[in-house]
Amino acid sequence: MKRTEAIFDESLRAAFSYCVQQVRNYDYHHYLCLLELPPNMRKAAFALRAFNVETAKAMDVASDPRIGLMRLLWWQEIIDKIYANKLIENPVAQALSSVISESRINKGWLKRSVEARINDARRDVTDIPETTGELEKYAEDTVSTLLYMTLQAGGINSTAADHAASHVGKASGLLLLLRSLPYHASRNRHFSYIPAEVAAKHGLLVQEGGRAEIRLDSREGLCDAVFEMASMANVHLQKARDLAGTVPAEARPVLLPAVPAQVLLDSLSRVQFDVFDPRLARGVLGIPPLWYQLKLKWHSWKGKY
C-alpha cells in the first residue's frame, strides 16, 4: 500500500511540475505573477493556468483546425470525467483533478471557459463580432473566469474581489487579443478580434460580394481601432483599481495580472498603438524582463494590483 501511495504522490508531483513548466513556457508574464502568490495558493493557480494554456493554444498548435476543435471538445469531456472521479492519463488533468478534490472549484466556470474557446474555434472566416461587448464577454468567460476560480481555490469569498477580477480579466483579455492580431492576421483570423462597429468607424470594414470583411490596409485606421479597444481595456483597469480599498488583502495577489495588462497598455501607447511594431515582441510585453519583474515585485510588496 505504501509503495502504491508513493507512486501516486510521485505521479502527482510530476503533474504539477509539468503544469509549472507549461505556464513558464507559454505564459511567462503570468508565470511570474503566480510566483508572487502565497505558497498555499500556487498549486491550484498553476494547475488552473496550465489548463488555460492547454485550451488557449489548442487551435494554434493543430495542423488542421478540426483537430484543434477536437482537442477542445476532448477537454470538455475531461472536465466531466474529473468531476465523476475518473482517472485521466494527462498531467494537467491530473493536477486539476487534485485541486478540484481539495477546493471544489465551480464546474460551471471550467465548462464556460472551454465553451468560449469552442465557440471561438467554430467561427466562420466571415463571422465578425458586431460589438465590443462580444469580445468583452469572451474575455470574461476565459480570463475573468480563471481569476474567479483562483480566488475560490484560495478560499477567498469576496464580492468586491470578484468584481475586481471581472474587470482585470476583461482588460487583460482585450489587450492580449490586440497583441495577438499580427499572429492571427497571418492565419487569416484577425477578423475575429476587431468588432464590426469599431472597424466601420475607422474605415476597416468593406463589403465584398455581399459580405462584410475587415481589411488591414490602412495602418492609421488600424492604430485608431486598436486605440479605441485599448481605451476600453484601460477603463476596466481603472474600475478594478477603484475597488482596491474594498478588496481583501489576501485577494490582491490573485489580481496581479492587472500589472502585465498595464505594461502591455503602456507598450502599445509607446508605439502609437501599432500592433505590428516589432518593439512589442521584445522582452516581456515590450519592456526589458528585469524592469517587468521589478514592477511586479513592487506591486506585490505594496499589496497593489
Protein backbone atom coordinates (compact mmCIF):
# COMPACT_ATOMS: atom_id res chain seq x y z
CA MET A 1 0.00 0.00 0.00
CA LYS A 2 2.78 2.43 0.90
CA ARG A 3 4.54 1.74 -2.39
CA THR A 4 1.32 2.45 -4.30
CA GLU A 5 0.83 5.71 -2.40
CA ALA A 6 4.45 6.72 -3.07
CA ILE A 7 4.00 6.09 -6.80
CA PHE A 8 0.76 8.10 -6.78
CA ASP A 9 2.41 11.01 -4.93
CA GLU A 10 5.34 10.98 -7.35
CA SER A 11 2.96 11.00 -10.32
CA LEU A 12 1.10 13.97 -8.84
CA ARG A 13 4.33 15.87 -8.19
CA ALA A 14 5.33 15.27 -11.81
CA ALA A 15 1.91 16.51 -12.97
CA PHE A 16 2.23 19.77 -11.02
CA SER A 17 5.82 20.20 -12.22
CA TYR A 18 4.57 19.82 -15.79
CA CYS A 19 1.91 22.50 -15.17
CA VAL A 20 4.51 24.95 -13.88
CA GLN A 21 6.72 24.32 -16.92
CA GLN A 22 3.83 24.78 -19.35
CA VAL A 23 2.89 28.12 -17.82
CA ARG A 24 6.51 29.24 -17.83
CA ASN A 25 6.95 28.26 -21.49
CA TYR A 26 3.69 29.62 -22.89
CA ASP A 27 2.50 32.32 -20.49
CA TYR A 28 5.68 33.74 -18.94
CA HIS A 29 4.31 37.09 -17.77
CA HIS A 30 1.58 35.31 -15.81
CA TYR A 31 4.05 32.68 -14.60
CA LEU A 32 5.90 35.48 -12.80
CA CYS A 33 2.57 36.72 -11.36
CA LEU A 34 1.84 33.29 -9.88
CA LEU A 35 5.23 33.19 -8.15
CA GLU A 36 4.01 36.15 -6.06
CA LEU A 37 1.07 34.17 -4.67
CA PRO A 38 1.26 32.68 -1.14
CA PRO A 39 2.74 29.13 -1.27
CA ASN A 40 -0.58 27.55 -0.27
CA MET A 41 -2.28 29.02 -3.38
CA ARG A 42 0.35 28.27 -6.01
CA LYS A 43 -0.52 24.65 -6.76
CA ALA A 44 -4.11 25.45 -7.63
CA ALA A 45 -3.14 28.60 -9.54
CA PHE A 46 -0.58 26.76 -11.70
CA ALA A 47 -2.98 23.90 -12.42
CA LEU A 48 -5.71 26.34 -13.49
CA ARG A 49 -3.34 28.48 -15.55
CA ALA A 50 -1.90 25.35 -17.24
CA PHE A 51 -5.46 24.29 -18.10
CA ASN A 52 -5.93 27.73 -19.65
CA VAL A 53 -2.70 27.32 -21.63
CA GLU A 54 -3.87 23.94 -22.96
CA THR A 55 -7.22 25.28 -24.17
CA ALA A 56 -5.84 28.63 -25.41
CA LYS A 57 -3.22 27.02 -27.66
CA ALA A 58 -5.34 24.09 -28.87
CA MET A 59 -6.14 25.76 -32.20
CA ASP A 60 -2.67 27.24 -32.68
CA VAL A 61 -0.68 24.01 -32.38
CA ALA A 62 -3.05 21.91 -34.51
CA SER A 63 -2.11 21.31 -38.14
CA ASP A 64 -5.81 21.22 -39.00
CA PRO A 65 -8.47 23.42 -37.33
CA ARG A 66 -10.68 20.35 -36.96
CA ILE A 67 -8.00 18.69 -34.83
CA GLY A 68 -7.80 21.78 -32.61
CA LEU A 69 -11.57 21.75 -32.19
CA MET A 70 -11.49 18.05 -31.32
CA ARG A 71 -8.90 18.81 -28.65
CA LEU A 72 -11.18 21.44 -27.10
CA LEU A 73 -14.14 19.05 -27.18
CA TRP A 74 -11.90 16.46 -25.52
CA TRP A 75 -11.20 18.91 -22.69
CA GLN A 76 -14.93 19.44 -22.31
CA GLU A 77 -15.31 15.68 -21.75
CA ILE A 78 -12.31 15.61 -19.40
CA ILE A 79 -14.00 18.11 -17.07
CA ASP A 80 -16.99 15.77 -16.77
CA LYS A 81 -14.66 12.84 -16.05
CA ILE A 82 -12.78 14.79 -13.37
CA TYR A 83 -16.00 15.58 -11.53
CA ALA A 84 -17.02 11.94 -11.88
CA ASN A 85 -13.75 10.97 -10.12
CA LYS A 86 -12.42 9.07 -13.14
CA LEU A 87 -8.69 8.64 -13.70
CA ILE A 88 -7.21 10.53 -16.66
CA GLU A 89 -3.77 9.96 -18.14
CA ASN A 90 -2.92 13.62 -18.67
CA PRO A 91 -0.67 15.65 -16.33
CA VAL A 92 -2.73 18.86 -16.47
CA ALA A 93 -5.97 16.92 -15.92
CA GLN A 94 -4.36 15.04 -13.02
CA ALA A 95 -3.23 18.26 -11.35
CA LEU A 96 -6.62 19.85 -11.97
CA SER A 97 -8.39 16.82 -10.51
CA SER A 98 -6.27 17.03 -7.35
CA VAL A 99 -7.03 20.75 -6.96
CA ILE A 100 -10.77 20.23 -7.53
CA SER A 101 -10.90 17.44 -4.95
CA GLU A 102 -9.35 19.80 -2.38
CA SER A 103 -11.22 23.03 -3.13
CA ARG A 104 -14.34 22.02 -5.11
CA ILE A 105 -13.87 24.57 -7.85
CA ASN A 106 -17.10 25.51 -9.63
CA LYS A 107 -17.58 23.12 -12.56
CA GLY A 108 -19.65 25.70 -14.41
CA TRP A 109 -16.70 28.08 -14.61
CA LEU A 110 -14.43 25.41 -16.11
CA LYS A 111 -17.09 24.45 -18.64
CA ARG A 112 -17.76 28.10 -19.51
CA SER A 113 -14.08 28.67 -20.22
CA VAL A 114 -13.83 25.73 -22.64
CA GLU A 115 -17.16 26.52 -24.29
CA ALA A 116 -15.96 30.06 -25.04
CA ARG A 117 -12.87 28.61 -26.76
CA ILE A 118 -15.03 26.13 -28.69
CA ASN A 119 -17.39 28.85 -29.90
CA ASP A 120 -14.41 30.94 -30.99
CA ALA A 121 -12.88 27.95 -32.81
CA ARG A 122 -16.13 27.36 -34.69
CA ARG A 123 -16.26 30.88 -36.09
CA ASP A 124 -16.59 31.06 -39.84
CA VAL A 125 -13.99 33.26 -41.58
CA THR A 126 -16.75 35.76 -42.39
CA ASP A 127 -18.16 35.80 -38.85
CA ILE A 128 -17.20 39.22 -37.49
CA PRO A 129 -18.30 40.19 -33.96
CA GLU A 130 -20.75 43.06 -34.22
CA THR A 131 -19.92 44.82 -30.96
CA THR A 132 -17.10 45.23 -28.48
CA GLY A 133 -19.46 43.67 -25.94
CA GLU A 134 -19.00 40.31 -27.65
CA LEU A 135 -15.23 40.48 -27.13
CA GLU A 136 -15.71 41.63 -23.54
CA LYS A 137 -17.86 38.57 -22.93
CA TYR A 138 -15.18 36.33 -24.44
CA ALA A 139 -12.58 37.90 -22.13
CA GLU A 140 -14.94 37.48 -19.16
CA ASP A 141 -15.62 33.82 -19.96
CA THR A 142 -11.95 32.94 -20.39
CA VAL A 143 -9.72 35.28 -18.37
CA SER A 144 -12.03 36.63 -15.66
CA THR A 145 -13.35 33.12 -15.00
CA LEU A 146 -9.78 31.94 -14.45
CA LEU A 147 -9.36 34.57 -11.72
CA TYR A 148 -12.69 33.62 -10.11
CA MET A 149 -11.52 30.00 -9.87
CA THR A 150 -8.16 31.02 -8.40
CA LEU A 151 -9.92 33.09 -5.74
CA GLN A 152 -12.23 30.17 -4.95
CA ALA A 153 -9.32 27.72 -4.75
CA GLY A 154 -7.68 30.08 -2.26
CA GLY A 155 -10.79 30.07 -0.09
CA ILE A 156 -11.44 33.78 -0.77
CA ASN A 157 -15.12 34.68 -0.76
CA SER A 158 -15.49 38.37 -1.57
CA THR A 159 -17.94 40.14 -3.87
CA ALA A 160 -15.53 43.08 -4.22
CA ALA A 161 -12.69 40.72 -5.23
CA ASP A 162 -14.96 39.05 -7.80
CA HIS A 163 -15.96 42.41 -9.26
CA ALA A 164 -12.32 43.48 -9.49
CA ALA A 165 -11.40 40.13 -11.05
CA SER A 166 -14.10 40.64 -13.67
CA HIS A 167 -12.61 43.98 -14.71
CA VAL A 168 -8.98 42.77 -14.58
CA GLY A 169 -9.92 39.75 -16.70
CA LYS A 170 -11.73 41.84 -19.29
CA ALA A 171 -8.84 44.31 -19.54
CA SER A 172 -6.26 41.54 -19.78
CA GLY A 173 -8.30 39.55 -22.30
CA LEU A 174 -8.92 42.53 -24.60
CA LEU A 175 -5.28 43.61 -24.54
CA LEU A 176 -3.96 40.11 -25.24
CA LEU A 177 -6.34 39.83 -28.19
CA LEU A 178 -4.92 43.10 -29.54
CA ARG A 179 -1.37 41.87 -29.04
CA SER A 180 -2.17 38.69 -30.95
CA LEU A 181 -3.58 40.49 -34.00
CA PRO A 182 -0.40 40.12 -36.13
CA TYR A 183 -0.28 36.38 -35.44
CA HIS A 184 -3.96 35.87 -36.18
CA ALA A 185 -3.73 38.07 -39.27
CA SER A 186 -1.04 35.72 -40.62
CA ARG A 187 -3.56 32.86 -40.14
CA ASN A 188 -6.45 34.88 -41.61
CA ARG A 189 -8.21 35.16 -38.23
CA HIS A 190 -7.73 38.88 -37.47
CA PHE A 191 -11.44 39.47 -38.27
CA SER A 192 -12.41 37.69 -35.06
CA TYR A 193 -10.90 40.31 -32.81
CA ILE A 194 -11.90 43.65 -34.34
CA PRO A 195 -15.66 44.13 -33.95
CA ALA A 196 -17.62 45.48 -36.89
CA GLU A 197 -18.73 48.63 -35.04
CA VAL A 198 -15.10 49.62 -34.40
CA ALA A 199 -13.84 48.56 -37.84
CA ALA A 200 -16.55 50.55 -39.62
CA LYS A 201 -15.78 53.68 -37.60
CA HIS A 202 -12.14 53.61 -38.69
CA GLY A 203 -12.55 52.60 -42.34
CA LEU A 204 -11.52 48.96 -41.96
CA LEU A 205 -14.87 47.38 -42.84
CA VAL A 206 -15.58 46.75 -46.53
CA GLN A 207 -18.34 44.93 -48.42
CA GLU A 208 -17.13 42.17 -50.74
CA GLY A 209 -19.63 40.05 -52.66
CA GLY A 210 -22.41 40.86 -50.24
CA ARG A 211 -20.24 40.01 -47.22
CA ALA A 212 -18.56 42.30 -44.75
CA GLU A 213 -14.80 41.90 -44.43
CA ILE A 214 -12.13 43.62 -42.38
CA ARG A 215 -9.08 44.89 -44.21
CA LEU A 216 -5.83 45.89 -42.54
CA ASP A 217 -4.60 48.01 -45.47
CA SER A 218 -4.85 51.26 -43.52
CA ARG A 219 -2.24 51.31 -40.76
CA GLU A 220 -3.66 54.60 -39.44
CA GLY A 221 -7.18 53.17 -39.31
CA LEU A 222 -5.92 50.03 -37.55
CA CYS A 223 -4.00 52.07 -34.97
CA ASP A 224 -7.12 54.13 -34.29
CA ALA A 225 -9.19 50.94 -33.88
CA VAL A 226 -6.59 49.45 -31.53
CA PHE A 227 -6.52 52.70 -29.54
CA GLU A 228 -10.31 52.58 -29.11
CA MET A 229 -10.24 48.99 -27.87
CA ALA A 230 -7.20 49.62 -25.64
CA SER A 231 -9.07 52.56 -24.12
CA MET A 232 -11.89 50.18 -23.19
CA ALA A 233 -9.36 47.90 -21.51
CA ASN A 234 -7.96 50.90 -19.63
CA VAL A 235 -11.44 51.74 -18.31
CA HIS A 236 -11.73 48.20 -16.92
CA LEU A 237 -8.33 48.51 -15.24
CA GLN A 238 -9.35 51.77 -13.62
CA LYS A 239 -12.62 50.26 -12.38
CA ALA A 240 -10.70 47.33 -10.87
CA ARG A 241 -8.34 49.71 -9.07
CA ASP A 242 -11.23 51.85 -7.82
CA LEU A 243 -12.37 48.75 -5.93
CA ALA A 244 -8.96 48.18 -4.31
CA GLY A 245 -9.99 49.67 -0.98
CA THR A 246 -12.76 47.09 -0.58
CA VAL A 247 -10.80 44.08 -1.87
CA PRO A 248 -9.42 41.86 0.95
CA ALA A 249 -5.64 41.88 1.25
CA GLU A 250 -5.44 38.13 0.63
CA ALA A 251 -7.19 38.56 -2.73
CA ARG A 252 -4.88 41.22 -4.14
CA PRO A 253 -2.05 38.85 -5.21
CA VAL A 254 -4.60 36.98 -7.36
CA LEU A 255 -5.33 40.26 -9.16
CA LEU A 256 -1.67 40.91 -10.05
CA PRO A 257 -2.43 40.14 -13.75
CA ALA A 258 -3.53 43.79 -13.78
CA VAL A 259 0.20 44.61 -13.82
CA PRO A 260 1.05 42.87 -17.14
CA ALA A 261 -2.16 44.33 -18.57
CA GLN A 262 -0.95 47.83 -17.65
CA VAL A 263 2.54 47.06 -19.02
CA LEU A 264 1.04 45.99 -22.35
CA LEU A 265 -1.19 49.06 -22.42
CA ASP A 266 1.84 51.30 -21.83
CA SER A 267 3.85 49.45 -24.51
CA LEU A 268 1.03 49.92 -27.03
CA SER A 269 0.94 53.62 -26.18
CA ARG A 270 4.70 53.95 -26.81
CA VAL A 271 4.35 52.55 -30.33
CA GLN A 272 1.25 54.69 -31.06
CA PHE A 273 -0.96 51.57 -30.89
CA ASP A 274 0.69 49.96 -33.90
CA VAL A 275 0.35 46.26 -33.07
CA PHE A 276 2.74 45.39 -35.90
CA ASP A 277 5.60 47.37 -34.34
CA PRO A 278 8.41 44.84 -33.61
CA ARG A 279 9.19 46.54 -30.28
CA LEU A 280 6.07 44.90 -28.80
CA ALA A 281 7.69 41.48 -29.26
CA ARG A 282 10.81 42.40 -27.28
CA GLY A 283 11.45 41.40 -23.68
CA VAL A 284 8.27 40.81 -21.67
CA LEU A 285 5.29 42.57 -23.28
CA GLY A 286 7.59 45.13 -24.85
CA ILE A 287 9.79 46.01 -21.85
CA PRO A 288 13.07 44.51 -20.51
CA PRO A 289 12.48 41.37 -18.39
CA LEU A 290 14.22 42.85 -15.33
CA TRP A 291 12.11 46.00 -15.48
CA TYR A 292 8.95 43.87 -15.74
CA GLN A 293 9.97 41.79 -12.72
CA LEU A 294 10.73 44.91 -10.69
CA LYS A 295 7.28 46.35 -11.49
CA LEU A 296 5.65 43.10 -10.43
CA LYS A 297 7.68 42.87 -7.22
CA TRP A 298 6.91 46.47 -6.30
CA HIS A 299 3.15 45.97 -6.72
CA SER A 300 3.29 42.69 -4.80
CA TRP A 301 5.28 44.26 -1.95
CA LYS A 302 2.90 47.23 -1.75
CA GLY A 303 -0.17 44.97 -1.84
CA LYS A 304 -1.38 46.66 -5.01
CA TYR A 305 -2.57 45.49 -8.40
